[in-house]
Amino acid sequence: MVTADDVRAIALSLPRAYEALVRDRVKFRVGRIVFLSLSPDETVLGFGYPKEERAALIEAEPDKFFLPIPSDMRYNWMRVRLAAIDHAELEELVIDSWRMTVPKKVWTEYLASRES
C-alpha cells in the first residue's frame, strides 16, 4: 500500500513539477496542467492517462482502477485506489502521467539522467 506522502515524494522529484492546493485538493502540476490529483481523504489518486486506453486498464484490474467523475471524462484522466497498488506501480503511474505534460526535451533529459 502506498500513501499520499509516497505520491508527493515521487511527483516533486520530477523536473518542473510542483504541488498546489485547489479547493481543498492536493494537485501536482507542470505549468498550469494538472497531472495528478489526490482525493480530499488522500485514498484515491487521479492521474493523466490516454482516454482510448481506459477501458482496457479497468477491464484488466477493476479492483484498482476506475473512471473519473463524469465531468472529467473528456480529459485524459483515470483514478486509482492507493491502497490497491505498490510503490513500483505508483512510480510508473506518476512518471507516465508527468511525461504527458512536459516537453519532449524535458522527458528525454530526465530519462537520460535515470540511465546514468
PDB file of N, CA and C in Angstrom:
ATOM      1  N   MET A   1       0.841  -1.188   0.000  1.00  0.00           N
ATOM      2  CA  MET A   1       0.000   0.000   0.000  1.00  0.00           C
ATOM      3  C   MET A   1       0.878   1.242   0.000  1.00  0.00           C
ATOM      4  N   VAL A   2       0.468   2.234  -0.768  1.00  0.00           N
ATOM      5  CA  VAL A   2       1.202   3.490  -0.822  1.00  0.00           C
ATOM      6  C   VAL A   2       0.347   4.604  -0.220  1.00  0.00           C
ATOM      7  N   THR A   3       1.001   5.711   0.097  1.00  0.00           N
ATOM      8  CA  THR A   3       0.313   6.827   0.745  1.00  0.00           C
ATOM      9  C   THR A   3       0.472   8.101  -0.064  1.00  0.00           C
ATOM     10  N   ALA A   4      -0.203   9.134   0.369  1.00  0.00           N
ATOM     11  CA  ALA A   4      -0.075  10.444  -0.261  1.00  0.00           C
ATOM     12  C   ALA A   4       1.359  10.958  -0.146  1.00  0.00           C
ATOM     13  N   ASP A   5       2.050  10.603   0.918  1.00  0.00           N
ATOM     14  CA  ASP A   5       3.454  11.010   1.063  1.00  0.00           C
ATOM     15  C   ASP A   5       4.326  10.367  -0.009  1.00  0.00           C
ATOM     16  N   ASP A   6       4.018   9.133  -0.376  1.00  0.00           N
ATOM     17  CA  ASP A   6       4.747   8.477  -1.467  1.00  0.00           C
ATOM     18  C   ASP A   6       4.487   9.182  -2.788  1.00  0.00           C
ATOM     19  N   VAL A   7       3.231   9.543  -3.026  1.00  0.00           N
ATOM     20  CA  VAL A   7       2.876  10.291  -4.244  1.00  0.00           C
ATOM     21  C   VAL A   7       3.667  11.589  -4.288  1.00  0.00           C
ATOM     22  N   ARG A   8       3.651  12.315  -3.200  1.00  0.00           N
ATOM     23  CA  ARG A   8       4.339  13.610  -3.094  1.00  0.00           C
ATOM     24  C   ARG A   8       5.839  13.462  -3.367  1.00  0.00           C
ATOM     25  N   ALA A   9       6.460  12.464  -2.772  1.00  0.00           N
ATOM     26  CA  ALA A   9       7.903  12.269  -2.931  1.00  0.00           C
ATOM     27  C   ALA A   9       8.271  12.012  -4.389  1.00  0.00           C
ATOM     28  N   ILE A  10       7.503  11.176  -5.065  1.00  0.00           N
ATOM     29  CA  ILE A  10       7.797  10.874  -6.465  1.00  0.00           C
ATOM     30  C   ILE A  10       7.508  12.087  -7.347  1.00  0.00           C
ATOM     31  N   ALA A  11       6.327  12.671  -7.179  1.00  0.00           N
ATOM     32  CA  ALA A  11       5.924  13.791  -8.042  1.00  0.00           C
ATOM     33  C   ALA A  11       6.864  14.981  -7.923  1.00  0.00           C
ATOM     34  N   LEU A  12       7.242  15.326  -6.705  1.00  0.00           N
ATOM     35  CA  LEU A  12       8.077  16.513  -6.523  1.00  0.00           C
ATOM     36  C   LEU A  12       9.537  16.285  -6.902  1.00  0.00           C
ATOM     37  N   SER A  13       9.900  15.040  -7.172  1.00  0.00           N
ATOM     38  CA  SER A  13      11.263  14.758  -7.640  1.00  0.00           C
ATOM     39  C   SER A  13      11.395  14.971  -9.148  1.00  0.00           C
ATOM     40  N   LEU A  14      10.279  15.192  -9.820  1.00  0.00           N
ATOM     41  CA  LEU A  14      10.283  15.329 -11.275  1.00  0.00           C
ATOM     42  C   LEU A  14      10.505  16.784 -11.697  1.00  0.00           C
ATOM     43  N   PRO A  15      11.272  17.003 -12.756  1.00  0.00           N
ATOM     44  CA  PRO A  15      11.530  18.368 -13.227  1.00  0.00           C
ATOM     45  C   PRO A  15      10.237  19.118 -13.548  1.00  0.00           C
ATOM     46  N   ARG A  16      10.203  20.376 -13.142  1.00  0.00           N
ATOM     47  CA  ARG A  16       9.098  21.317 -13.394  1.00  0.00           C
ATOM     48  C   ARG A  16       7.814  21.010 -12.626  1.00  0.00           C
ATOM     49  N   ALA A  17       7.777  19.959 -11.840  1.00  0.00           N
ATOM     50  CA  ALA A  17       6.563  19.604 -11.104  1.00  0.00           C
ATOM     51  C   ALA A  17       6.488  20.381  -9.797  1.00  0.00           C
ATOM     52  N   TYR A  18       5.281  20.770  -9.435  1.00  0.00           N
ATOM     53  CA  TYR A  18       5.064  21.435  -8.152  1.00  0.00           C
ATOM     54  C   TYR A  18       3.686  21.081  -7.605  1.00  0.00           C
ATOM     55  N   GLU A  19       3.518  21.304  -6.319  1.00  0.00           N
ATOM     56  CA  GLU A  19       2.280  20.984  -5.617  1.00  0.00           C
ATOM     57  C   GLU A  19       1.445  22.237  -5.452  1.00  0.00           C
ATOM     58  N   ALA A  20       0.132  22.084  -5.588  1.00  0.00           N
ATOM     59  CA  ALA A  20      -0.790  23.201  -5.394  1.00  0.00           C
ATOM     60  C   ALA A  20      -2.021  22.694  -4.646  1.00  0.00           C
ATOM     61  N   LEU A  21      -2.606  23.550  -3.836  1.00  0.00           N
ATOM     62  CA  LEU A  21      -3.850  23.228  -3.146  1.00  0.00           C
ATOM     63  C   LEU A  21      -4.976  23.961  -3.870  1.00  0.00           C
ATOM     64  N   VAL A  22      -5.903  23.197  -4.444  1.00  0.00           N
ATOM     65  CA  VAL A  22      -7.003  23.769  -5.211  1.00  0.00           C
ATOM     66  C   VAL A  22      -8.306  23.214  -4.648  1.00  0.00           C
ATOM     67  N   ARG A  23      -9.120  24.089  -4.071  1.00  0.00           N
ATOM     68  CA  ARG A  23     -10.402  23.691  -3.473  1.00  0.00           C
ATOM     69  C   ARG A  23     -10.256  22.465  -2.567  1.00  0.00           C
ATOM     70  N   ASP A  24      -9.335  22.554  -1.634  1.00  0.00           N
ATOM     71  CA  ASP A  24      -9.091  21.505  -0.641  1.00  0.00           C
ATOM     72  C   ASP A  24      -8.579  20.187  -1.228  1.00  0.00           C
ATOM     73  N   ARG A  25      -8.038  20.232  -2.434  1.00  0.00           N
ATOM     74  CA  ARG A  25      -7.447  19.039  -3.051  1.00  0.00           C
ATOM     75  C   ARG A  25      -5.994  19.324  -3.383  1.00  0.00           C
ATOM     76  N   VAL A  26      -5.156  18.364  -3.077  1.00  0.00           N
ATOM     77  CA  VAL A  26      -3.745  18.470  -3.442  1.00  0.00           C
ATOM     78  C   VAL A  26      -3.620  18.053  -4.903  1.00  0.00           C
ATOM     79  N   LYS A  27      -3.012  18.937  -5.689  1.00  0.00           N
ATOM     80  CA  LYS A  27      -2.796  18.658  -7.108  1.00  0.00           C
ATOM     81  C   LYS A  27      -1.332  18.873  -7.416  1.00  0.00           C
ATOM     82  N   PHE A  28      -0.854  18.133  -8.389  1.00  0.00           N
ATOM     83  CA  PHE A  28       0.523  18.277  -8.842  1.00  0.00           C
ATOM     84  C   PHE A  28       0.461  18.731 -10.287  1.00  0.00           C
ATOM     85  N   ARG A  29       1.252  19.763 -10.579  1.00  0.00           N
ATOM     86  CA  ARG A  29       1.181  20.406 -11.881  1.00  0.00           C
ATOM     87  C   ARG A  29       2.544  20.555 -12.521  1.00  0.00           C
ATOM     88  N   VAL A  30       2.489  20.744 -13.825  1.00  0.00           N
ATOM     89  CA  VAL A  30       3.608  21.242 -14.615  1.00  0.00           C
ATOM     90  C   VAL A  30       3.024  22.453 -15.314  1.00  0.00           C
ATOM     91  N   GLY A  31       3.535  23.627 -14.989  1.00  0.00           N
ATOM     92  CA  GLY A  31       2.901  24.844 -15.501  1.00  0.00           C
ATOM     93  C   GLY A  31       1.497  24.919 -14.936  1.00  0.00           C
ATOM     94  N   ARG A  32       0.515  25.055 -15.821  1.00  0.00           N
ATOM     95  CA  ARG A  32      -0.881  25.105 -15.376  1.00  0.00           C
ATOM     96  C   ARG A  32      -1.595  23.774 -15.558  1.00  0.00           C
ATOM     97  N   ILE A  33      -0.893  22.782 -16.078  1.00  0.00           N
ATOM     98  CA  ILE A  33      -1.500  21.487 -16.370  1.00  0.00           C
ATOM     99  C   ILE A  33      -1.377  20.551 -15.159  1.00  0.00           C
ATOM    100  N   VAL A  34      -2.510  20.028 -14.730  1.00  0.00           N
ATOM    101  CA  VAL A  34      -2.550  19.083 -13.611  1.00  0.00           C
ATOM    102  C   VAL A  34      -2.240  17.684 -14.153  1.00  0.00           C
ATOM    103  N   PHE A  35      -1.279  17.009 -13.525  1.00  0.00           N
ATOM    104  CA  PHE A  35      -1.008  15.636 -13.935  1.00  0.00           C
ATOM    105  C   PHE A  35      -1.348  14.621 -12.848  1.00  0.00           C
ATOM    106  N   LEU A  36      -1.573  15.079 -11.614  1.00  0.00           N
ATOM    107  CA  LEU A  36      -2.020  14.210 -10.519  1.00  0.00           C
ATOM    108  C   LEU A  36      -2.952  15.003  -9.618  1.00  0.00           C
ATOM    109  N   SER A  37      -3.901  14.297  -9.000  1.00  0.00           N
ATOM    110  CA  SER A  37      -4.791  14.936  -8.043  1.00  0.00           C
ATOM    111  C   SER A  37      -5.183  13.914  -6.977  1.00  0.00           C
ATOM    112  N   LEU A  38      -5.017  14.289  -5.733  1.00  0.00           N
ATOM    113  CA  LEU A  38      -5.410  13.421  -4.619  1.00  0.00           C
ATOM    114  C   LEU A  38      -6.820  13.762  -4.165  1.00  0.00           C
ATOM    115  N   SER A  39      -7.588  12.748  -3.797  1.00  0.00           N
ATOM    116  CA  SER A  39      -8.911  12.980  -3.236  1.00  0.00           C
ATOM    117  C   SER A  39      -8.742  13.675  -1.882  1.00  0.00           C
ATOM    118  N   PRO A  40      -9.780  14.349  -1.386  1.00  0.00           N
ATOM    119  CA  PRO A  40      -9.654  15.041  -0.090  1.00  0.00           C
ATOM    120  C   PRO A  40      -9.213  14.127   1.051  1.00  0.00           C
ATOM    121  N   ASP A  41      -9.617  12.854   1.024  1.00  0.00           N
ATOM    122  CA  ASP A  41      -9.194  11.927   2.084  1.00  0.00           C
ATOM    123  C   ASP A  41      -7.875  11.218   1.754  1.00  0.00           C
ATOM    124  N   GLU A  42      -7.292  11.556   0.610  1.00  0.00           N
ATOM    125  CA  GLU A  42      -5.989  11.051   0.158  1.00  0.00           C
ATOM    126  C   GLU A  42      -5.950   9.528  -0.011  1.00  0.00           C
ATOM    127  N   THR A  43      -7.072   8.929  -0.407  1.00  0.00           N
ATOM    128  CA  THR A  43      -7.112   7.487  -0.658  1.00  0.00           C
ATOM    129  C   THR A  43      -7.178   7.164  -2.147  1.00  0.00           C
ATOM    130  N   VAL A  44      -7.518   8.169  -2.954  1.00  0.00           N
ATOM    131  CA  VAL A  44      -7.664   7.975  -4.398  1.00  0.00           C
ATOM    132  C   VAL A  44      -6.773   8.971  -5.119  1.00  0.00           C
ATOM    133  N   LEU A  45      -6.107   8.497  -6.168  1.00  0.00           N
ATOM    134  CA  LEU A  45      -5.247   9.340  -6.979  1.00  0.00           C
ATOM    135  C   LEU A  45      -5.812   9.430  -8.386  1.00  0.00           C
ATOM    136  N   GLY A  46      -6.058  10.655  -8.842  1.00  0.00           N
ATOM    137  CA  GLY A  46      -6.401  10.892 -10.238  1.00  0.00           C
ATOM    138  C   GLY A  46      -5.106  11.132 -10.981  1.00  0.00           C
ATOM    139  N   PHE A  47      -4.998  10.599 -12.195  1.00  0.00           N
ATOM    140  CA  PHE A  47      -3.754  10.740 -12.940  1.00  0.00           C
ATOM    141  C   PHE A  47      -4.035  10.816 -14.434  1.00  0.00           C
ATOM    142  N   GLY A  48      -3.131  11.467 -15.152  1.00  0.00           N
ATOM    143  CA  GLY A  48      -3.252  11.558 -16.591  1.00  0.00           C
ATOM    144  C   GLY A  48      -3.074  10.193 -17.222  1.00  0.00           C
ATOM    145  N   TYR A  49      -3.983   9.868 -18.165  1.00  0.00           N
ATOM    146  CA  TYR A  49      -3.945   8.571 -18.825  1.00  0.00           C
ATOM    147  C   TYR A  49      -4.725   8.691 -20.129  1.00  0.00           C
ATOM    148  N   PRO A  50      -4.246   8.090 -21.210  1.00  0.00           N
ATOM    149  CA  PRO A  50      -4.934   8.218 -22.502  1.00  0.00           C
ATOM    150  C   PRO A  50      -6.375   7.691 -22.463  1.00  0.00           C
ATOM    151  N   LYS A  51      -7.297   8.506 -22.953  1.00  0.00           N
ATOM    152  CA  LYS A  51      -8.711   8.134 -22.949  1.00  0.00           C
ATOM    153  C   LYS A  51      -8.975   6.803 -23.648  1.00  0.00           C
ATOM    154  N   GLU A  52      -8.300   6.598 -24.776  1.00  0.00           N
ATOM    155  CA  GLU A  52      -8.561   5.404 -25.576  1.00  0.00           C
ATOM    156  C   GLU A  52      -8.079   4.113 -24.912  1.00  0.00           C
ATOM    157  N   GLU A  53      -7.310   4.220 -23.847  1.00  0.00           N
ATOM    158  CA  GLU A  53      -6.796   3.035 -23.161  1.00  0.00           C
ATOM    159  C   GLU A  53      -7.474   2.770 -21.811  1.00  0.00           C
ATOM    160  N   ARG A  54      -8.405   3.632 -21.427  1.00  0.00           N
ATOM    161  CA  ARG A  54      -9.048   3.497 -20.116  1.00  0.00           C
ATOM    162  C   ARG A  54      -9.792   2.182 -19.930  1.00  0.00           C
ATOM    163  N   ALA A  55     -10.597   1.820 -20.907  1.00  0.00           N
ATOM    164  CA  ALA A  55     -11.424   0.613 -20.776  1.00  0.00           C
ATOM    165  C   ALA A  55     -10.565  -0.626 -20.558  1.00  0.00           C
ATOM    166  N   ALA A  56      -9.475  -0.729 -21.281  1.00  0.00           N
ATOM    167  CA  ALA A  56      -8.594  -1.899 -21.139  1.00  0.00           C
ATOM    168  C   ALA A  56      -7.961  -1.952 -19.752  1.00  0.00           C
ATOM    169  N   LEU A  57      -7.581  -0.804 -19.225  1.00  0.00           N
ATOM    170  CA  LEU A  57      -6.975  -0.762 -17.892  1.00  0.00           C
ATOM    171  C   LEU A  57      -7.978  -1.195 -16.824  1.00  0.00           C
ATOM    172  N   ILE A  58      -9.181  -0.702 -16.914  1.00  0.00           N
ATOM    173  CA  ILE A  58     -10.218  -1.070 -15.936  1.00  0.00           C
ATOM    174  C   ILE A  58     -10.574  -2.544 -16.066  1.00  0.00           C
ATOM    175  N   GLU A  59     -10.683  -3.018 -17.301  1.00  0.00           N
ATOM    176  CA  GLU A  59     -11.012  -4.428 -17.515  1.00  0.00           C
ATOM    177  C   GLU A  59      -9.929  -5.346 -16.948  1.00  0.00           C
ATOM    178  N   ALA A  60      -8.680  -4.940 -17.082  1.00  0.00           N
ATOM    179  CA  ALA A  60      -7.572  -5.758 -16.590  1.00  0.00           C
ATOM    180  C   ALA A  60      -7.510  -5.786 -15.066  1.00  0.00           C
ATOM    181  N   GLU A  61      -7.785  -4.660 -14.423  1.00  0.00           N
ATOM    182  CA  GLU A  61      -7.673  -4.583 -12.960  1.00  0.00           C
ATOM    183  C   GLU A  61      -8.778  -3.697 -12.357  1.00  0.00           C
ATOM    184  N   PRO A  62     -10.018  -4.182 -12.366  1.00  0.00           N
ATOM    185  CA  PRO A  62     -11.133  -3.363 -11.879  1.00  0.00           C
ATOM    186  C   PRO A  62     -11.098  -3.072 -10.381  1.00  0.00           C
ATOM    187  N   ASP A  63     -10.333  -3.853  -9.621  1.00  0.00           N
ATOM    188  CA  ASP A  63     -10.226  -3.605  -8.188  1.00  0.00           C
ATOM    189  C   ASP A  63      -9.296  -2.422  -7.890  1.00  0.00           C
ATOM    190  N   LYS A  64      -8.486  -2.038  -8.861  1.00  0.00           N
ATOM    191  CA  LYS A  64      -7.539  -0.930  -8.672  1.00  0.00           C
ATOM    192  C   LYS A  64      -7.997   0.356  -9.341  1.00  0.00           C
ATOM    193  N   PHE A  65      -8.405   0.253 -10.590  1.00  0.00           N
ATOM    194  CA  PHE A  65      -8.642   1.429 -11.425  1.00  0.00           C
ATOM    195  C   PHE A  65     -10.120   1.657 -11.673  1.00  0.00           C
ATOM    196  N   PHE A  66     -10.505   2.943 -11.796  1.00  0.00           N
ATOM    197  CA  PHE A  66     -11.879   3.271 -12.129  1.00  0.00           C
ATOM    198  C   PHE A  66     -11.926   4.614 -12.853  1.00  0.00           C
ATOM    199  N   LEU A  67     -13.056   4.845 -13.514  1.00  0.00           N
ATOM    200  CA  LEU A  67     -13.214   6.035 -14.338  1.00  0.00           C
ATOM    201  C   LEU A  67     -13.264   7.313 -13.505  1.00  0.00           C
ATOM    202  N   PRO A  68     -12.906   8.417 -14.129  1.00  0.00           N
ATOM    203  CA  PRO A  68     -13.035   9.702 -13.435  1.00  0.00           C
ATOM    204  C   PRO A  68     -14.511  10.091 -13.321  1.00  0.00           C
ATOM    205  N   ILE A  69     -14.770  11.143 -12.578  1.00  0.00           N
ATOM    206  CA  ILE A  69     -16.142  11.635 -12.465  1.00  0.00           C
ATOM    207  C   ILE A  69     -16.615  12.074 -13.858  1.00  0.00           C
ATOM    208  N   PRO A  70     -17.929  12.084 -14.091  1.00  0.00           N
ATOM    209  CA  PRO A  70     -18.445  12.389 -15.431  1.00  0.00           C
ATOM    210  C   PRO A  70     -17.897  13.684 -16.054  1.00  0.00           C
ATOM    211  N   SER A  71     -17.716  14.724 -15.275  1.00  0.00           N
ATOM    212  CA  SER A  71     -17.215  15.978 -15.850  1.00  0.00           C
ATOM    213  C   SER A  71     -15.761  15.892 -16.295  1.00  0.00           C
ATOM    214  N   ASP A  72     -15.024  14.876 -15.831  1.00  0.00           N
ATOM    215  CA  ASP A  72     -13.629  14.700 -16.225  1.00  0.00           C
ATOM    216  C   ASP A  72     -13.449  13.663 -17.339  1.00  0.00           C
ATOM    217  N   MET A  73     -14.532  13.082 -17.818  1.00  0.00           N
ATOM    218  CA  MET A  73     -14.437  12.057 -18.853  1.00  0.00           C
ATOM    219  C   MET A  73     -13.864  12.609 -20.161  1.00  0.00           C
ATOM    220  N   ARG A  74     -13.988  13.888 -20.389  1.00  0.00           N
ATOM    221  CA  ARG A  74     -13.470  14.473 -21.635  1.00  0.00           C
ATOM    222  C   ARG A  74     -11.949  14.610 -21.611  1.00  0.00           C
ATOM    223  N   TYR A  75     -11.350  14.471 -20.451  1.00  0.00           N
ATOM    224  CA  TYR A  75      -9.900  14.610 -20.314  1.00  0.00           C
ATOM    225  C   TYR A  75      -9.209  13.247 -20.354  1.00  0.00           C
ATOM    226  N   ASN A  76      -7.909  13.279 -20.572  1.00  0.00           N
ATOM    227  CA  ASN A  76      -7.073  12.072 -20.462  1.00  0.00           C
ATOM    228  C   ASN A  76      -6.843  11.845 -18.968  1.00  0.00           C
ATOM    229  N   TRP A  77      -7.770  11.132 -18.331  1.00  0.00           N
ATOM    230  CA  TRP A  77      -7.752  11.050 -16.871  1.00  0.00           C
ATOM    231  C   TRP A  77      -8.291   9.714 -16.407  1.00  0.00           C
ATOM    232  N   MET A  78      -7.717   9.186 -15.320  1.00  0.00           N
ATOM    233  CA  MET A  78      -8.162   7.952 -14.670  1.00  0.00           C
ATOM    234  C   MET A  78      -8.009   8.126 -13.172  1.00  0.00           C
ATOM    235  N   ARG A  79      -8.517   7.138 -12.426  1.00  0.00           N
ATOM    236  CA  ARG A  79      -8.335   7.145 -10.970  1.00  0.00           C
ATOM    237  C   ARG A  79      -7.913   5.762 -10.500  1.00  0.00           C
ATOM    238  N   VAL A  80      -7.168   5.757  -9.394  1.00  0.00           N
ATOM    239  CA  VAL A  80      -6.689   4.509  -8.805  1.00  0.00           C
ATOM    240  C   VAL A  80      -6.820   4.592  -7.288  1.00  0.00           C
ATOM    241  N   ARG A  81      -7.130   3.453  -6.682  1.00  0.00           N
ATOM    242  CA  ARG A  81      -7.164   3.365  -5.219  1.00  0.00           C
ATOM    243  C   ARG A  81      -5.731   3.150  -4.730  1.00  0.00           C
ATOM    244  N   LEU A  82      -5.220   4.050  -3.911  1.00  0.00           N
ATOM    245  CA  LEU A  82      -3.838   3.951  -3.447  1.00  0.00           C
ATOM    246  C   LEU A  82      -3.591   2.671  -2.647  1.00  0.00           C
ATOM    247  N   ALA A  83      -4.581   2.213  -1.914  1.00  0.00           N
ATOM    248  CA  ALA A  83      -4.415   1.000  -1.108  1.00  0.00           C
ATOM    249  C   ALA A  83      -4.235  -0.252  -1.963  1.00  0.00           C
ATOM    250  N   ALA A  84      -4.560  -0.165  -3.245  1.00  0.00           N
ATOM    251  CA  ALA A  84      -4.523  -1.338  -4.115  1.00  0.00           C
ATOM    252  C   ALA A  84      -3.233  -1.463  -4.927  1.00  0.00           C
ATOM    253  N   ILE A  85      -2.329  -0.485  -4.815  1.00  0.00           N
ATOM    254  CA  ILE A  85      -1.110  -0.543  -5.632  1.00  0.00           C
ATOM    255  C   ILE A  85       0.141  -0.514  -4.757  1.00  0.00           C
ATOM    256  N   ASP A  86       1.244  -0.947  -5.344  1.00  0.00           N
ATOM    257  CA  ASP A  86       2.511  -0.904  -4.628  1.00  0.00           C
ATOM    258  C   ASP A  86       3.363   0.264  -5.134  1.00  0.00           C
ATOM    259  N   HIS A  87       4.523   0.425  -4.542  1.00  0.00           N
ATOM    260  CA  HIS A  87       5.369   1.585  -4.847  1.00  0.00           C
ATOM    261  C   HIS A  87       5.817   1.596  -6.311  1.00  0.00           C
ATOM    262  N   ALA A  88       6.149   0.448  -6.863  1.00  0.00           N
ATOM    263  CA  ALA A  88       6.595   0.382  -8.263  1.00  0.00           C
ATOM    264  C   ALA A  88       5.481   0.806  -9.224  1.00  0.00           C
ATOM    265  N   GLU A  89       4.251   0.360  -8.949  1.00  0.00           N
ATOM    266  CA  GLU A  89       3.114   0.759  -9.782  1.00  0.00           C
ATOM    267  C   GLU A  89       2.864   2.257  -9.668  1.00  0.00           C
ATOM    268  N   LEU A  90       2.946   2.768  -8.450  1.00  0.00           N
ATOM    269  CA  LEU A  90       2.747   4.196  -8.236  1.00  0.00           C
ATOM    270  C   LEU A  90       3.775   5.008  -9.018  1.00  0.00           C
ATOM    271  N   GLU A  91       5.017   4.615  -8.916  1.00  0.00           N
ATOM    272  CA  GLU A  91       6.075   5.344  -9.612  1.00  0.00           C
ATOM    273  C   GLU A  91       5.822   5.352 -11.118  1.00  0.00           C
ATOM    274  N   GLU A  92       5.419   4.229 -11.671  1.00  0.00           N
ATOM    275  CA  GLU A  92       5.143   4.156 -13.105  1.00  0.00           C
ATOM    276  C   GLU A  92       3.975   5.071 -13.486  1.00  0.00           C
ATOM    277  N   LEU A  93       2.892   5.058 -12.710  1.00  0.00           N
ATOM    278  CA  LEU A  93       1.736   5.913 -12.999  1.00  0.00           C
ATOM    279  C   LEU A  93       2.097   7.395 -12.930  1.00  0.00           C
ATOM    280  N   VAL A  94       2.826   7.777 -11.889  1.00  0.00           N
ATOM    281  CA  VAL A  94       3.193   9.178 -11.696  1.00  0.00           C
ATOM    282  C   VAL A  94       4.093   9.659 -12.830  1.00  0.00           C
ATOM    283  N   ILE A  95       5.112   8.888 -13.141  1.00  0.00           N
ATOM    284  CA  ILE A  95       6.053   9.304 -14.182  1.00  0.00           C
ATOM    285  C   ILE A  95       5.376   9.339 -15.552  1.00  0.00           C
ATOM    286  N   ASP A  96       4.555   8.357 -15.870  1.00  0.00           N
ATOM    287  CA  ASP A  96       3.858   8.364 -17.161  1.00  0.00           C
ATOM    288  C   ASP A  96       2.893   9.532 -17.277  1.00  0.00           C
ATOM    289  N   SER A  97       2.212   9.850 -16.189  1.00  0.00           N
ATOM    290  CA  SER A  97       1.292  10.989 -16.190  1.00  0.00           C
ATOM    291  C   SER A  97       2.058  12.298 -16.366  1.00  0.00           C
ATOM    292  N   TRP A  98       3.146  12.446 -15.645  1.00  0.00           N
ATOM    293  CA  TRP A  98       4.001  13.642 -15.766  1.00  0.00           C
ATOM    294  C   TRP A  98       4.532  13.782 -17.186  1.00  0.00           C
ATOM    295  N   ARG A  99       4.947  12.661 -17.763  1.00  0.00           N
ATOM    296  CA  ARG A  99       5.513  12.675 -19.114  1.00  0.00           C
ATOM    297  C   ARG A  99       4.524  13.225 -20.133  1.00  0.00           C
ATOM    298  N   MET A 100       3.233  13.030 -19.915  1.00  0.00           N
ATOM    299  CA  MET A 100       2.214  13.549 -20.832  1.00  0.00           C
ATOM    300  C   MET A 100       2.143  15.071 -20.813  1.00  0.00           C
ATOM    301  N   THR A 101       2.725  15.706 -19.789  1.00  0.00           N
ATOM    302  CA  THR A 101       2.575  17.155 -19.626  1.00  0.00           C
ATOM    303  C   THR A 101       3.828  17.962 -19.934  1.00  0.00           C
ATOM    304  N   VAL A 102       4.973  17.312 -20.014  1.00  0.00           N
ATOM    305  CA  VAL A 102       6.219  18.056 -20.222  1.00  0.00           C
ATOM    306  C   VAL A 102       6.669  17.985 -21.680  1.00  0.00           C
ATOM    307  N   PRO A 103       7.454  18.963 -22.114  1.00  0.00           N
ATOM    308  CA  PRO A 103       8.007  18.902 -23.468  1.00  0.00           C
ATOM    309  C   PRO A 103       8.903  17.677 -23.633  1.00  0.00           C
ATOM    310  N   LYS A 104       9.008  17.209 -24.852  1.00  0.00           N
ATOM    311  CA  LYS A 104       9.806  16.008 -25.138  1.00  0.00           C
ATOM    312  C   LYS A 104      11.244  16.172 -24.651  1.00  0.00           C
ATOM    313  N   LYS A 105      11.798  17.365 -24.781  1.00  0.00           N
ATOM    314  CA  LYS A 105      13.179  17.623 -24.357  1.00  0.00           C
ATOM    315  C   LYS A 105      13.343  17.349 -22.856  1.00  0.00           C
ATOM    316  N   VAL A 106      12.392  17.790 -22.057  1.00  0.00           N
ATOM    317  CA  VAL A 106      12.454  17.577 -20.605  1.00  0.00           C
ATOM    318  C   VAL A 106      12.392  16.084 -20.298  1.00  0.00           C
ATOM    319  N   TRP A 107      11.496  15.386 -20.982  1.00  0.00           N
ATOM    320  CA  TRP A 107      11.363  13.945 -20.774  1.00  0.00           C
ATOM    321  C   TRP A 107      12.646  13.213 -21.148  1.00  0.00           C
ATOM    322  N   THR A 108      13.232  13.533 -22.292  1.00  0.00           N
ATOM    323  CA  THR A 108      14.444  12.831 -22.717  1.00  0.00           C
ATOM    324  C   THR A 108      15.622  13.132 -21.792  1.00  0.00           C
ATOM    325  N   GLU A 109      15.717  14.360 -21.290  1.00  0.00           N
ATOM    326  CA  GLU A 109      16.776  14.687 -20.323  1.00  0.00           C
ATOM    327  C   GLU A 109      16.586  13.909 -19.031  1.00  0.00           C
ATOM    328  N   TYR A 110      15.356  13.813 -18.580  1.00  0.00           N
ATOM    329  CA  TYR A 110      15.052  13.054 -17.367  1.00  0.00           C
ATOM    330  C   TYR A 110      15.400  11.584 -17.558  1.00  0.00           C
ATOM    331  N   LEU A 111      15.002  11.025 -18.680  1.00  0.00           N
ATOM    332  CA  LEU A 111      15.288   9.629 -18.968  1.00  0.00           C
ATOM    333  C   LEU A 111      16.789   9.370 -19.020  1.00  0.00           C
ATOM    334  N   ALA A 112      17.534  10.274 -19.639  1.00  0.00           N
ATOM    335  CA  ALA A 112      18.997  10.140 -19.706  1.00  0.00           C
ATOM    336  C   ALA A 112      19.619  10.192 -18.316  1.00  0.00           C
ATOM    337  N   SER A 113      19.101  11.056 -17.448  1.00  0.00           N
ATOM    338  CA  SER A 113      19.646  11.171 -16.098  1.00  0.00           C
ATOM    339  C   SER A 113      19.372   9.913 -15.271  1.00  0.00           C
ATOM    340  N   ARG A 114      18.280   9.241 -15.534  1.00  0.00           N
ATOM    341  CA  ARG A 114      17.954   7.991 -14.812  1.00  0.00           C
ATOM    342  C   ARG A 114      18.827   6.843 -15.271  1.00  0.00           C
ATOM    343  N   GLU A 115      19.221   6.886 -16.540  1.00  0.00           N
ATOM    344  CA  GLU A 115      20.038   5.805 -17.084  1.00  0.00           C
ATOM    345  C   GLU A 115      21.487   5.890 -16.635  1.00  0.00           C
ATOM    346  N   SER A 116      21.937   7.105 -16.246  1.00  0.00           N
ATOM    347  CA  SER A 116      23.342   7.237 -15.847  1.00  0.00           C
ATOM    348  C   SER A 116      23.549   7.004 -14.371  1.00  0.00           C
TER     349      SER A 116
END
